[in-house]
């Protein structure tokens, strides 16, 4: 009985292994795109990045101005501290702390996780990314790809990829751009 049970288990194991090998033999078709290449070939994306860069510089200048003002106030305070009464010292210290808080608040407002720069980037870039996604999906459907990977991504883990499977130009074509 014990040897029959072992034989049955071996047969079951072989059948399961055979079944799994059949399932994995149905290789999925995949392709690569280079999102950096696609973005560089879309003028609207370049314009959006330029807009973001300009607004970021403007906002950073505002934050820097407040920070510089706070630093100047502190330097002046250090130079005058020996001549000030306790009440005057407290007032100047409070003013300096308030200016530093204003600078920090402005920085958070512009550059924080839900700040103005994030919102601006979302409004300018998200529609372009959605359009690219739609084009990538269309190429995948048309050519029967189950997976399309971004070769430009640091997290893709691709060590070698044949240029023959790169469909970046087809995606640009679907978007109406040619290269």
Foldseek 3Di string as FASTA:
>chain_A
DVVVVVVVVVVVVVVVVVVVVVVPVVDAAEFEEAVVVLLVQDVLSVVLVVVLVVVVVVLVVVLVVLVVVLVVLVVVCVVCVVVDDPVVNVVSVVVSVVSNVVSVVSCCQDPNPPHPSVVSCCVRPVVVVVLLVVLVVVVCVVVVGPYYYHPNDPPRPDPDDDPVRYCNQSSCVSVVTHD
